[in-house]
Amino acid sequence: MPHAIPFFRSALTRSLLLGIFAIPAIIVPPHLDAADGSVIVPADPAAIAFARYNAGLSQIRPWSSETIEIDASLPKREERGRLRAIRHLLPLGKLEYRVLEMTGDQTVRHQLILRFLSADAQAVATPAASVAITLANYKFRYHGAVEIAGMTAYSFVITPRQKREGLIKGELCIDGETGAVVRQARYFVKSPSIFVKRITVTREAVLLDGLAAERTTHLSIDTRLVGRAELTIHERPFSDPAPGVEE
């Protein structure tokens, strides 16, 4: 049996996932800059998108059930693994996974995929206020307009107020029509382990009627022991099929 990889201990994956999946919450008058310079937004369509983003935060609800597909690899070792599962959000913030398929090298399956699922469950059950994208934790600076999937979005640079575990530095792109987040690109400002040099995350969302219909997350972890570890996570809402209908 392969030796466990130290950089994927639960403390690392838990703080990592809290940073990835924390629901953003920005509370600021959308037509004004914050007095301390925490938010710099011009008085133009970007400010309107920012206001819509703020207004929609209270309506954000996680998918109660979703399909999740994870492709993971350790390129230096030429090892790969894959998972397909149904993820159910249960009462009291608990998760249940129904694994449909898991294939690949044992090290990747156990040290990447299964630890990711375990950390995901811990992250969902843990209050994320300390790492959430809020004015208490971050400053925001408008960067410019970008085109994503044929739509205009507005980019904001987010910078943590303190350099501590679980906080990130990067970019938040907000859809101009709906205020929904369509792209996030960030890296963690402090490594949670001496075995990890850098963690970067990119997440993109496909919108349908202003709501996220699909999410893709790319996670890259540069380690000192086994090189780079990579995970790509695809998520979509799931509805149980009618009786007699196969999934």
Protein backbone atom coordinates (compact mmCIF):
# COMPACT_ATOMS: atom_id res chain seq x y z
CA MET A 1 0.00 0.00 0.00
CA PRO A 2 1.47 3.42 -0.91
CA HIS A 3 2.59 5.66 1.91
CA ALA A 4 0.29 8.52 2.80
CA ILE A 5 1.20 11.88 1.29
CA PRO A 6 1.71 14.34 4.18
CA PHE A 7 0.53 17.46 2.36
CA PHE A 8 -3.01 16.08 2.11
CA ARG A 9 -3.66 15.87 5.81
CA SER A 10 -7.15 16.90 6.83
CA ALA A 11 -6.08 20.29 8.20
CA LEU A 12 -4.86 21.31 4.76
CA THR A 13 -7.84 20.11 2.78
CA ARG A 14 -10.31 21.51 5.30
CA SER A 15 -8.85 25.04 5.19
CA LEU A 16 -8.46 24.75 1.43
CA LEU A 17 -12.10 23.87 0.87
CA LEU A 18 -13.34 26.52 3.26
CA GLY A 19 -11.58 29.06 1.09
CA ILE A 20 -12.90 27.57 -2.13
CA PHE A 21 -16.53 27.04 -1.16
CA ALA A 22 -17.16 29.92 1.22
CA ILE A 23 -20.18 31.86 -0.03
CA PRO A 24 -19.12 35.45 -0.77
CA ALA A 25 -20.85 38.17 1.22
CA ILE A 26 -20.13 41.83 0.51
CA ILE A 27 -22.17 44.43 2.33
CA VAL A 28 -21.55 47.96 1.07
CA PRO A 29 -23.73 50.68 -0.50
CA PRO A 30 -23.39 49.83 -4.20
CA HIS A 31 -23.24 53.44 -5.42
CA LEU A 32 -20.53 54.55 -2.98
CA ASP A 33 -16.92 53.66 -2.31
CA ALA A 34 -16.30 52.39 1.19
CA ALA A 35 -14.83 55.10 3.39
CA ASP A 36 -11.72 53.05 4.15
CA GLY A 37 -11.09 52.24 0.50
CA SER A 38 -12.17 48.61 0.88
CA VAL A 39 -14.23 48.84 -2.29
CA ILE A 40 -13.40 50.94 -5.31
CA VAL A 41 -16.21 50.85 -7.87
CA PRO A 42 -16.82 53.40 -10.63
CA ALA A 43 -20.26 54.98 -11.11
CA ASP A 44 -21.06 53.02 -14.29
CA PRO A 45 -22.50 49.59 -15.27
CA ALA A 46 -19.85 47.88 -13.14
CA ALA A 47 -21.38 49.52 -10.06
CA ILE A 48 -24.82 48.28 -11.10
CA ALA A 49 -23.46 44.73 -11.50
CA PHE A 50 -21.84 45.03 -8.09
CA ALA A 51 -25.16 46.14 -6.57
CA ARG A 52 -26.96 43.20 -8.16
CA TYR A 53 -24.30 40.89 -6.82
CA ASN A 54 -24.84 42.24 -3.31
CA ALA A 55 -28.61 42.06 -3.59
CA GLY A 56 -28.50 38.45 -4.73
CA LEU A 57 -26.26 37.17 -1.94
CA SER A 58 -29.13 36.68 0.49
CA GLN A 59 -30.89 34.53 -2.12
CA ILE A 60 -27.96 32.19 -2.74
CA ARG A 61 -28.80 28.62 -1.83
CA PRO A 62 -26.55 25.59 -2.34
CA TRP A 63 -27.81 22.82 -4.58
CA SER A 64 -29.55 20.25 -2.39
CA SER A 65 -28.38 17.49 -4.74
CA GLU A 66 -25.78 17.58 -7.46
CA THR A 67 -23.72 15.37 -9.68
CA ILE A 68 -20.00 15.71 -9.13
CA GLU A 69 -17.17 14.46 -11.31
CA ILE A 70 -13.56 14.68 -10.16
CA ASP A 71 -10.51 14.08 -12.34
CA ALA A 72 -7.33 14.03 -10.25
CA SER A 73 -3.70 13.45 -11.06
CA LEU A 74 -0.12 13.52 -9.87
CA PRO A 75 1.60 14.38 -13.19
CA LYS A 76 5.16 13.79 -11.95
CA ARG A 77 4.23 10.24 -10.93
CA GLU A 78 1.99 9.77 -13.97
CA GLU A 79 -0.87 8.66 -11.73
CA ARG A 80 -4.52 9.50 -12.28
CA GLY A 81 -7.94 8.82 -10.83
CA ARG A 82 -11.58 9.67 -11.46
CA LEU A 83 -14.81 9.80 -9.47
CA ARG A 84 -18.48 10.18 -10.40
CA ALA A 85 -20.94 10.60 -7.56
CA ILE A 86 -24.21 12.14 -6.41
CA ARG A 87 -23.75 14.65 -3.60
CA HIS A 88 -26.73 15.24 -1.28
CA LEU A 89 -26.88 18.10 1.21
CA LEU A 90 -28.69 16.75 4.28
CA PRO A 91 -30.27 18.64 7.20
CA LEU A 92 -27.93 20.17 9.80
CA GLY A 93 -25.24 20.83 7.20
CA LYS A 94 -24.24 17.24 6.57
CA LEU A 95 -23.23 15.70 3.25
CA GLU A 96 -23.89 12.31 1.76
CA TYR A 97 -22.07 10.95 -1.29
CA ARG A 98 -23.42 8.16 -3.47
CA VAL A 99 -20.43 6.96 -5.48
CA LEU A 100 -21.31 5.84 -8.99
CA GLU A 101 -17.79 5.18 -10.25
CA MET A 102 -14.24 5.50 -8.96
CA THR A 103 -11.27 4.40 -11.01
CA GLY A 104 -7.54 4.99 -11.27
CA ASP A 105 -4.35 4.65 -9.25
CA GLN A 106 -4.77 3.90 -5.56
CA THR A 107 -2.64 6.82 -4.35
CA VAL A 108 -4.70 9.33 -6.31
CA ARG A 109 -7.99 7.77 -5.25
CA HIS A 110 -7.11 7.70 -1.56
CA GLN A 111 -4.81 10.69 -1.13
CA LEU A 112 -6.58 13.11 -3.47
CA ILE A 113 -10.16 12.15 -4.23
CA LEU A 114 -11.32 10.56 -0.97
CA ARG A 115 -9.56 13.18 1.15
CA PHE A 116 -11.21 15.87 -0.96
CA LEU A 117 -14.64 14.38 -0.24
CA SER A 118 -13.87 14.13 3.48
CA ALA A 119 -12.67 17.72 3.59
CA ASP A 120 -15.71 18.84 1.59
CA ALA A 121 -17.98 17.39 4.26
CA GLN A 122 -16.02 19.14 7.02
CA ALA A 123 -16.07 22.46 5.15
CA VAL A 124 -19.84 22.38 4.65
CA ALA A 125 -20.40 21.66 8.35
CA THR A 126 -18.04 24.41 9.54
CA PRO A 127 -18.97 28.13 9.73
CA ALA A 128 -16.94 29.86 7.04
CA ALA A 129 -17.15 33.45 8.30
CA SER A 130 -13.42 33.62 9.00
CA VAL A 131 -12.52 32.97 5.35
CA ALA A 132 -15.62 34.24 3.53
CA ILE A 133 -15.17 36.98 0.93
CA THR A 134 -16.48 39.82 3.07
CA LEU A 135 -15.42 43.38 3.85
CA ALA A 136 -14.27 42.10 7.21
CA ASN A 137 -11.70 39.92 5.48
CA TYR A 138 -11.04 41.61 2.12
CA LYS A 139 -10.57 44.79 0.14
CA PHE A 140 -12.05 45.06 -3.37
CA ARG A 141 -10.73 47.01 -6.34
CA TYR A 142 -12.45 47.30 -9.71
CA HIS A 143 -10.17 46.04 -12.47
CA GLY A 144 -12.15 46.33 -15.70
CA ALA A 145 -14.69 44.82 -18.06
CA VAL A 146 -14.07 41.37 -19.56
CA GLU A 147 -15.97 39.13 -21.98
CA ILE A 148 -16.84 35.64 -20.77
CA ALA A 149 -18.87 33.24 -22.92
CA GLY A 150 -20.11 36.14 -25.03
CA MET A 151 -21.32 38.14 -22.03
CA THR A 152 -19.89 41.24 -20.38
CA ALA A 153 -18.56 40.73 -16.88
CA TYR A 154 -16.77 43.03 -14.47
CA SER A 155 -13.56 42.04 -12.76
CA PHE A 156 -12.67 42.92 -9.16
CA VAL A 157 -9.32 42.28 -7.50
CA ILE A 158 -9.74 40.92 -3.99
CA THR A 159 -6.97 41.32 -1.41
CA PRO A 160 -7.09 39.93 2.13
CA ARG A 161 -6.71 42.36 5.02
CA GLN A 162 -4.49 39.88 6.83
CA LYS A 163 -2.15 37.16 5.65
CA ARG A 164 -3.57 34.12 7.39
CA GLU A 165 -4.52 30.57 6.57
CA GLY A 166 -7.58 30.11 4.38
CA LEU A 167 -7.54 33.60 2.84
CA ILE A 168 -6.92 34.21 -0.84
CA LYS A 169 -5.79 36.84 -3.29
CA GLY A 170 -7.18 36.98 -6.80
CA GLU A 171 -9.97 38.02 -9.12
CA LEU A 172 -13.77 37.91 -8.96
CA CYS A 173 -15.71 38.35 -12.23
CA ILE A 174 -19.37 39.39 -11.94
CA ASP A 175 -21.91 39.04 -14.75
CA GLY A 176 -23.13 42.47 -15.82
CA GLU A 177 -26.76 41.46 -16.33
CA THR A 178 -27.39 39.37 -13.21
CA GLY A 179 -24.61 40.13 -10.75
CA ALA A 180 -23.77 36.42 -10.52
CA VAL A 181 -20.15 35.35 -10.15
CA VAL A 182 -19.03 33.71 -13.40
CA ARG A 183 -15.30 33.33 -12.73
CA GLN A 184 -12.98 33.27 -9.76
CA ALA A 185 -9.19 32.94 -9.95
CA ARG A 186 -7.14 33.00 -6.79
CA TYR A 187 -4.24 31.66 -4.79
CA PHE A 188 -3.89 31.15 -1.06
CA VAL A 189 -1.74 33.82 0.58
CA LYS A 190 -0.45 31.48 3.27
CA SER A 191 0.40 27.83 2.89
CA PRO A 192 -1.26 25.61 5.51
CA SER A 193 1.61 23.12 5.37
CA ILE A 194 5.39 23.11 5.01
CA PHE A 195 4.90 20.47 2.32
CA VAL A 196 2.93 22.88 0.11
CA LYS A 197 4.52 25.71 -1.86
CA ARG A 198 1.46 27.20 -3.54
CA ILE A 199 -2.26 26.51 -4.01
CA THR A 200 -4.15 28.07 -6.92
CA VAL A 201 -7.86 27.75 -7.72
CA THR A 202 -9.92 28.75 -10.74
CA ARG A 203 -13.69 28.35 -10.82
CA GLU A 204 -16.06 29.11 -13.69
CA ALA A 205 -19.85 28.99 -13.70
CA VAL A 206 -22.27 28.53 -16.60
CA LEU A 207 -25.41 30.59 -16.08
CA LEU A 208 -28.97 29.71 -17.05
CA ASP A 209 -31.60 32.39 -16.43
CA GLY A 210 -29.17 34.18 -14.16
CA LEU A 211 -28.44 31.15 -11.97
CA ALA A 212 -25.47 28.81 -11.94
CA ALA A 213 -26.34 25.71 -13.96
CA GLU A 214 -22.84 24.22 -13.91
CA ARG A 215 -19.56 24.87 -12.09
CA THR A 216 -16.04 23.80 -12.98
CA THR A 217 -13.21 24.16 -10.48
CA HIS A 218 -9.53 23.68 -11.31
CA LEU A 219 -7.31 23.13 -8.29
CA SER A 220 -3.50 23.03 -8.52
CA ILE A 221 -1.28 22.29 -5.52
CA ASP A 222 2.50 22.63 -5.85
CA THR A 223 4.14 20.37 -3.28
CA ARG A 224 7.71 19.82 -2.15
CA LEU A 225 7.48 16.03 -2.15
CA VAL A 226 5.61 14.78 -5.21
CA GLY A 227 5.46 17.84 -7.45
CA ARG A 228 2.13 19.20 -8.62
CA ALA A 229 -1.24 17.71 -7.72
CA GLU A 230 -4.23 18.63 -9.87
CA LEU A 231 -7.98 18.23 -9.46
CA THR A 232 -10.76 19.26 -11.82
CA ILE A 233 -14.23 19.21 -10.29
CA HIS A 234 -17.41 19.44 -12.41
CA GLU A 235 -20.69 20.09 -10.56
CA ARG A 236 -24.28 20.22 -11.84
CA PRO A 237 -27.69 20.19 -10.14
CA PHE A 238 -29.20 16.71 -9.85
CA SER A 239 -32.82 15.64 -9.74
CA ASP A 240 -33.82 12.08 -8.86
CA PRO A 241 -35.28 10.40 -11.95
CA ALA A 242 -38.89 9.34 -11.99
CA PRO A 243 -39.62 5.75 -10.91
CA GLY A 244 -38.64 3.31 -13.62
CA VAL A 245 -36.32 5.81 -15.33
CA GLU A 246 -32.60 5.06 -15.25
CA GLU A 247 -30.11 7.77 -14.24
